[in-house]
Each structure stands twice: as structure tokens, then as C-alpha cells.
Amino acid sequence: MGWEPGTSNAHFGAWMTALDQVTDINRRHYTASVRAGRSAVADLLPGALGALVSAAALTVLGLRPRFAEFR
């Protein structure tokens, strides 16, 4: 054990350096993907909200005659 070349600690240090590089690549890709996903959702949100309100209004209008039967 030790930090001299060819020892276990030196191998572990090299492995950690490589792992940190891969982790940084993955972190940058993840951050970019989250940013792209949020912008895509933000563009669709007004249309989705309008569709939800329309569906709720049409449901209420469609059920009014059925509810009137119970009066």
C-alpha cells in the first residue's frame, strides 16, 4: 500500500480521476437535458391547461342533465 506508482493507492487514485471525468460528462448531459425538458414543458403548459379546463367544463355541461333527473 502506498502512493508510489504501481501500488494500490496509486491505482485507486487513477481510477477515481477517471470516474470523476465520467461523472462530469454525465452531470453536464443531465443538466442540459433537464434544461431542454423544462423549456419543452413550459411551451406546452398553456395548451395543456386550456385542454384541462375545457374538458372539465364539457364534463360539467354533459352531466347537468343527468343530475337534473335526481331532483
N, C-alpha and C. Protein backbone atom coordinates (compact mmCIF):
# COMPACT_ATOMS: atom_id res chain seq x y z
N MET A 1 0.84 -1.18 0.00
CA MET A 1 0.00 0.00 0.00
C MET A 1 0.89 1.24 0.00
N GLY A 2 0.46 2.24 -0.73
CA GLY A 2 1.22 3.48 -0.79
C GLY A 2 0.82 4.24 -2.04
N TRP A 3 1.44 5.40 -2.23
CA TRP A 3 1.11 6.23 -3.38
C TRP A 3 2.16 6.14 -4.49
N GLU A 4 3.14 5.27 -4.33
CA GLU A 4 4.13 5.08 -5.38
C GLU A 4 3.46 4.43 -6.58
N PRO A 5 3.99 4.70 -7.79
CA PRO A 5 3.40 4.08 -8.99
C PRO A 5 3.37 2.55 -8.87
N GLY A 6 2.24 1.98 -9.27
CA GLY A 6 2.09 0.53 -9.23
C GLY A 6 1.49 0.00 -7.94
N THR A 7 1.24 0.85 -6.96
CA THR A 7 0.65 0.37 -5.71
C THR A 7 -0.86 0.57 -5.74
N SER A 8 -1.51 0.00 -4.76
CA SER A 8 -2.97 0.02 -4.75
C SER A 8 -3.53 1.44 -4.64
N ASN A 9 -2.96 2.28 -3.82
CA ASN A 9 -3.46 3.65 -3.68
C ASN A 9 -3.29 4.43 -4.98
N ALA A 10 -2.19 4.21 -5.69
CA ALA A 10 -1.97 4.90 -6.96
C ALA A 10 -2.99 4.45 -7.99
N HIS A 11 -3.27 3.14 -8.03
CA HIS A 11 -4.30 2.64 -8.94
C HIS A 11 -5.67 3.19 -8.59
N PHE A 12 -5.96 3.25 -7.31
CA PHE A 12 -7.24 3.79 -6.87
C PHE A 12 -7.35 5.27 -7.22
N GLY A 13 -6.28 6.02 -7.06
CA GLY A 13 -6.29 7.44 -7.42
C GLY A 13 -6.54 7.64 -8.90
N ALA A 14 -5.93 6.82 -9.75
CA ALA A 14 -6.15 6.91 -11.19
C ALA A 14 -7.59 6.56 -11.53
N TRP A 15 -8.11 5.53 -10.86
CA TRP A 15 -9.50 5.13 -11.10
C TRP A 15 -10.47 6.24 -10.69
N MET A 16 -10.21 6.89 -9.55
CA MET A 16 -11.08 7.99 -9.10
C MET A 16 -11.02 9.17 -10.06
N THR A 17 -9.85 9.46 -10.61
CA THR A 17 -9.73 10.54 -11.59
C THR A 17 -10.57 10.24 -12.82
N ALA A 18 -10.49 9.01 -13.32
CA ALA A 18 -11.29 8.62 -14.49
C ALA A 18 -12.77 8.65 -14.16
N LEU A 19 -13.13 8.19 -12.98
CA LEU A 19 -14.54 8.21 -12.57
C LEU A 19 -15.06 9.63 -12.47
N ASP A 20 -14.26 10.54 -11.94
CA ASP A 20 -14.66 11.95 -11.85
C ASP A 20 -14.89 12.54 -13.24
N GLN A 21 -14.06 12.16 -14.20
CA GLN A 21 -14.24 12.67 -15.57
C GLN A 21 -15.55 12.17 -16.17
N VAL A 22 -15.85 10.90 -15.98
CA VAL A 22 -17.10 10.34 -16.50
C VAL A 22 -18.30 10.97 -15.79
N THR A 23 -18.19 11.17 -14.49
CA THR A 23 -19.27 11.79 -13.72
C THR A 23 -19.52 13.21 -14.20
N ASP A 24 -18.47 13.95 -14.51
CA ASP A 24 -18.64 15.32 -15.02
C ASP A 24 -19.33 15.32 -16.38
N ILE A 25 -18.99 14.38 -17.25
CA ILE A 25 -19.66 14.26 -18.55
C ILE A 25 -21.14 13.99 -18.34
N ASN A 26 -21.46 13.05 -17.47
CA ASN A 26 -22.86 12.71 -17.21
C ASN A 26 -23.61 13.86 -16.56
N ARG A 27 -22.97 14.59 -15.66
CA ARG A 27 -23.61 15.72 -15.00
C ARG A 27 -23.94 16.82 -16.01
N ARG A 28 -23.01 17.12 -16.92
CA ARG A 28 -23.27 18.13 -17.94
C ARG A 28 -24.41 17.71 -18.86
N HIS A 29 -24.44 16.43 -19.25
CA HIS A 29 -25.52 15.95 -20.11
C HIS A 29 -26.86 16.00 -19.37
N TYR A 30 -26.88 15.61 -18.12
CA TYR A 30 -28.10 15.64 -17.32
C TYR A 30 -28.62 17.07 -17.18
N THR A 31 -27.73 18.00 -16.88
CA THR A 31 -28.13 19.39 -16.72
C THR A 31 -28.72 19.94 -18.02
N ALA A 32 -28.08 19.64 -19.14
CA ALA A 32 -28.58 20.11 -20.43
C ALA A 32 -29.94 19.48 -20.75
N SER A 33 -30.10 18.21 -20.43
CA SER A 33 -31.37 17.52 -20.70
C SER A 33 -32.49 18.07 -19.83
N VAL A 34 -32.21 18.36 -18.58
CA VAL A 34 -33.22 18.94 -17.70
C VAL A 34 -33.63 20.31 -18.21
N ARG A 35 -32.66 21.10 -18.63
CA ARG A 35 -32.96 22.43 -19.16
C ARG A 35 -33.84 22.33 -20.41
N ALA A 36 -33.51 21.41 -21.31
CA ALA A 36 -34.30 21.23 -22.54
C ALA A 36 -35.71 20.73 -22.21
N GLY A 37 -35.82 19.81 -21.26
CA GLY A 37 -37.13 19.29 -20.88
C GLY A 37 -38.01 20.34 -20.25
N ARG A 38 -37.42 21.18 -19.40
CA ARG A 38 -38.22 22.23 -18.77
C ARG A 38 -38.71 23.25 -19.79
N SER A 39 -37.89 23.55 -20.79
CA SER A 39 -38.34 24.51 -21.79
C SER A 39 -39.43 23.90 -22.67
N ALA A 40 -39.35 22.59 -22.94
CA ALA A 40 -40.39 21.93 -23.72
C ALA A 40 -41.72 21.91 -22.96
N VAL A 41 -41.66 21.63 -21.67
CA VAL A 41 -42.87 21.61 -20.85
C VAL A 41 -43.46 23.01 -20.72
N ALA A 42 -42.60 24.00 -20.57
CA ALA A 42 -43.08 25.38 -20.43
C ALA A 42 -43.82 25.82 -21.68
N ASP A 43 -43.39 25.34 -22.86
CA ASP A 43 -44.06 25.70 -24.10
C ASP A 43 -45.43 25.01 -24.22
N LEU A 44 -45.57 23.83 -23.65
CA LEU A 44 -46.82 23.07 -23.76
C LEU A 44 -47.81 23.36 -22.64
N LEU A 45 -47.36 23.98 -21.58
CA LEU A 45 -48.20 24.18 -20.40
C LEU A 45 -49.47 24.98 -20.67
N PRO A 46 -49.44 26.10 -21.38
CA PRO A 46 -50.70 26.84 -21.62
C PRO A 46 -51.72 26.02 -22.39
N GLY A 47 -51.30 25.28 -23.39
CA GLY A 47 -52.22 24.44 -24.16
C GLY A 47 -52.80 23.31 -23.31
N ALA A 48 -51.97 22.71 -22.49
CA ALA A 48 -52.45 21.63 -21.62
C ALA A 48 -53.44 22.15 -20.59
N LEU A 49 -53.16 23.33 -20.06
CA LEU A 49 -54.08 23.92 -19.09
C LEU A 49 -55.41 24.26 -19.74
N GLY A 50 -55.37 24.79 -20.95
CA GLY A 50 -56.61 25.09 -21.68
C GLY A 50 -57.41 23.83 -21.97
N ALA A 51 -56.74 22.75 -22.36
CA ALA A 51 -57.42 21.49 -22.62
C ALA A 51 -58.05 20.93 -21.34
N LEU A 52 -57.36 21.05 -20.23
CA LEU A 52 -57.89 20.56 -18.95
C LEU A 52 -59.14 21.34 -18.54
N VAL A 53 -59.09 22.65 -18.66
CA VAL A 53 -60.25 23.47 -18.30
C VAL A 53 -61.42 23.18 -19.24
N SER A 54 -61.14 23.02 -20.53
CA SER A 54 -62.21 22.70 -21.50
C SER A 54 -62.84 21.35 -21.19
N ALA A 55 -62.02 20.36 -20.87
CA ALA A 55 -62.55 19.03 -20.54
C ALA A 55 -63.41 19.09 -19.28
N ALA A 56 -62.97 19.84 -18.28
CA ALA A 56 -63.76 19.96 -17.06
C ALA A 56 -65.09 20.65 -17.34
N ALA A 57 -65.06 21.71 -18.13
CA ALA A 57 -66.30 22.44 -18.44
C ALA A 57 -67.26 21.56 -19.24
N LEU A 58 -66.75 20.84 -20.22
CA LEU A 58 -67.62 19.96 -21.02
C LEU A 58 -68.17 18.81 -20.19
N THR A 59 -67.40 18.33 -19.25
CA THR A 59 -67.88 17.26 -18.36
C THR A 59 -69.04 17.78 -17.51
N VAL A 60 -68.88 18.95 -16.94
CA VAL A 60 -69.94 19.52 -16.12
C VAL A 60 -71.19 19.75 -16.96
N LEU A 61 -71.03 20.31 -18.16
CA LEU A 61 -72.18 20.55 -19.03
C LEU A 61 -72.86 19.24 -19.45
N GLY A 62 -72.08 18.22 -19.65
CA GLY A 62 -72.65 16.93 -20.03
C GLY A 62 -73.37 16.23 -18.89
N LEU A 63 -72.94 16.46 -17.66
CA LEU A 63 -73.55 15.80 -16.51
C LEU A 63 -74.75 16.55 -15.95
N ARG A 64 -74.91 17.80 -16.31
CA ARG A 64 -76.03 18.58 -15.77
C ARG A 64 -77.39 17.93 -16.05
N PRO A 65 -77.66 17.44 -17.27
CA PRO A 65 -78.96 16.80 -17.49
C PRO A 65 -79.15 15.54 -16.64
N ARG A 66 -78.08 14.80 -16.41
CA ARG A 66 -78.20 13.58 -15.58
C ARG A 66 -78.46 13.94 -14.13
N PHE A 67 -77.81 14.96 -13.63
CA PHE A 67 -78.05 15.39 -12.27
C PHE A 67 -79.45 15.95 -12.10
N ALA A 68 -79.98 16.56 -13.14
CA ALA A 68 -81.34 17.11 -13.08
C ALA A 68 -82.38 16.01 -12.91
N GLU A 69 -82.09 14.80 -13.33
CA GLU A 69 -83.02 13.69 -13.18
C GLU A 69 -83.24 13.33 -11.72
N PHE A 70 -82.29 13.66 -10.83
CA PHE A 70 -82.38 13.29 -9.44
C PHE A 70 -83.06 14.34 -8.59
N ARG A 71 -83.51 15.43 -9.18
CA ARG A 71 -84.18 16.47 -8.41
C ARG A 71 -85.62 16.13 -8.19
